[in-house]
Every structure is written in C-alpha cells, then in structure tokens.
Amino acid sequence: MGLLTTVRDVLQASTESANRGDVTDERSEGAYWCDDCDVRIRDIDVEGDDPPDCPDCGAAMRFERSPGSTGCAC
C-alpha cells in the first residue's frame, strides 16, 4: 500500500492550495490583453493606471478582470 498512499498524498496536496503559482503576496485583479497578438500582461506587472501598449504590435491593450475566487486572471 505504500505506492497508493504516496500517490493519494501527492494528489491531495496538489488540490489544497488556492494560491497555486503565486510566488508573492500581491493579488492580481486581472490582466491586460492584446487581442491581435494574444499577449497577456498581469495588472500587477504594469506601472500606472493607464492600459499599456502591446509590446509586440503597439496597440492599446484591454483589461480583463479575474473571475474571482480562483486567483487566476486567465
């Protein structure tokens, strides 16, 4: 039963954290997207209040809010 216990423990541990992937305590409210280039920039990586321009094409990016409790801005 050692192998089954190990697999169960790993699967259980992978579902316990609601902040998977968050390295910092900063909370993202969403992300800026370029619809033409499919480029995404998290809001906490942007300085100021104005939407950034796409680094690939230069077009204005749109802001999309996080769906809420998942902690993901995707």
Protein backbone atom coordinates (compact mmCIF):
# COMPACT_ATOMS: atom_id res chain seq x y z
CA MET A 1 0.00 0.00 0.00
CA GLY A 2 2.99 2.36 0.15
CA LEU A 3 2.72 3.37 -3.52
CA LEU A 4 -1.03 4.01 -3.33
CA THR A 5 -0.60 6.08 -0.17
CA THR A 6 2.12 8.15 -1.82
CA VAL A 7 0.01 8.80 -4.93
CA ARG A 8 -3.01 9.75 -2.80
CA ASP A 9 -0.90 12.13 -0.69
CA VAL A 10 0.54 13.83 -3.78
CA LEU A 11 -2.88 14.29 -5.37
CA GLN A 12 -4.36 15.61 -2.15
CA ALA A 13 -1.51 18.09 -1.64
CA SER A 14 -1.88 19.40 -5.21
CA THR A 15 -5.50 20.44 -4.58
CA GLU A 16 -5.14 22.02 -1.14
CA SER A 17 -3.67 25.42 -2.07
CA ALA A 18 -5.93 28.10 -3.54
CA ASN A 19 -2.85 30.19 -4.50
CA ARG A 20 -1.07 27.74 -6.75
CA GLY A 21 1.66 29.52 -8.66
CA ASP A 22 1.58 32.73 -6.61
CA VAL A 23 5.14 33.47 -5.54
CA THR A 24 4.35 36.80 -3.92
CA ASP A 25 1.57 38.10 -1.71
CA GLU A 26 0.45 40.54 -4.41
CA ARG A 27 -3.05 39.91 -5.65
CA SER A 28 -3.83 40.32 -9.31
CA GLU A 29 -7.19 41.84 -10.22
CA GLY A 30 -6.88 40.72 -13.84
CA ALA A 31 -4.69 41.15 -16.88
CA TYR A 32 -4.24 43.31 -19.94
CA TRP A 33 -4.66 41.53 -23.28
CA CYS A 34 -3.79 42.28 -26.88
CA ASP A 35 -6.47 40.57 -28.94
CA ASP A 36 -4.42 40.75 -32.13
CA CYS A 37 -1.22 39.21 -30.72
CA ASP A 38 -2.63 37.14 -27.82
CA VAL A 39 -0.14 38.87 -25.49
CA ARG A 40 -1.07 38.95 -21.79
CA ILE A 41 0.40 41.20 -19.06
CA ARG A 42 -0.78 40.86 -15.46
CA ASP A 43 -2.04 44.09 -13.92
CA ILE A 44 0.49 43.95 -11.08
CA ASP A 45 3.27 44.00 -13.68
CA VAL A 46 2.05 47.34 -15.14
CA GLU A 47 3.05 50.69 -13.64
CA GLY A 48 0.42 53.44 -13.55
CA ASP A 49 -3.32 53.38 -14.16
CA ASP A 50 -3.35 53.61 -17.95
CA PRO A 51 -3.56 50.47 -20.09
CA PRO A 52 -0.19 49.58 -21.58
CA ASP A 53 0.55 49.28 -25.26
CA CYS A 54 1.22 45.81 -26.64
CA PRO A 55 4.96 45.15 -26.68
CA ASP A 56 4.60 43.26 -29.98
CA CYS A 57 2.34 45.49 -32.12
CA GLY A 58 1.95 48.74 -30.12
CA ALA A 59 -1.87 48.63 -29.96
CA ALA A 60 -3.69 49.56 -26.75
CA MET A 61 -4.37 46.53 -24.59
CA ARG A 62 -7.73 45.81 -22.94
CA PHE A 63 -8.21 44.94 -19.27
CA GLU A 64 -9.98 41.74 -18.28
CA ARG A 65 -10.90 41.08 -14.67
CA SER A 66 -10.18 37.89 -12.85
CA PRO A 67 -13.19 35.62 -12.42
CA GLY A 68 -12.81 35.89 -8.64
CA SER A 69 -12.09 33.09 -6.24
CA THR A 70 -9.78 31.06 -8.47
CA GLY A 71 -6.89 33.51 -8.11
CA CYS A 72 -6.29 33.29 -11.83
CA ALA A 73 -6.53 36.13 -14.28
CA CYS A 74 -6.84 33.88 -17.26
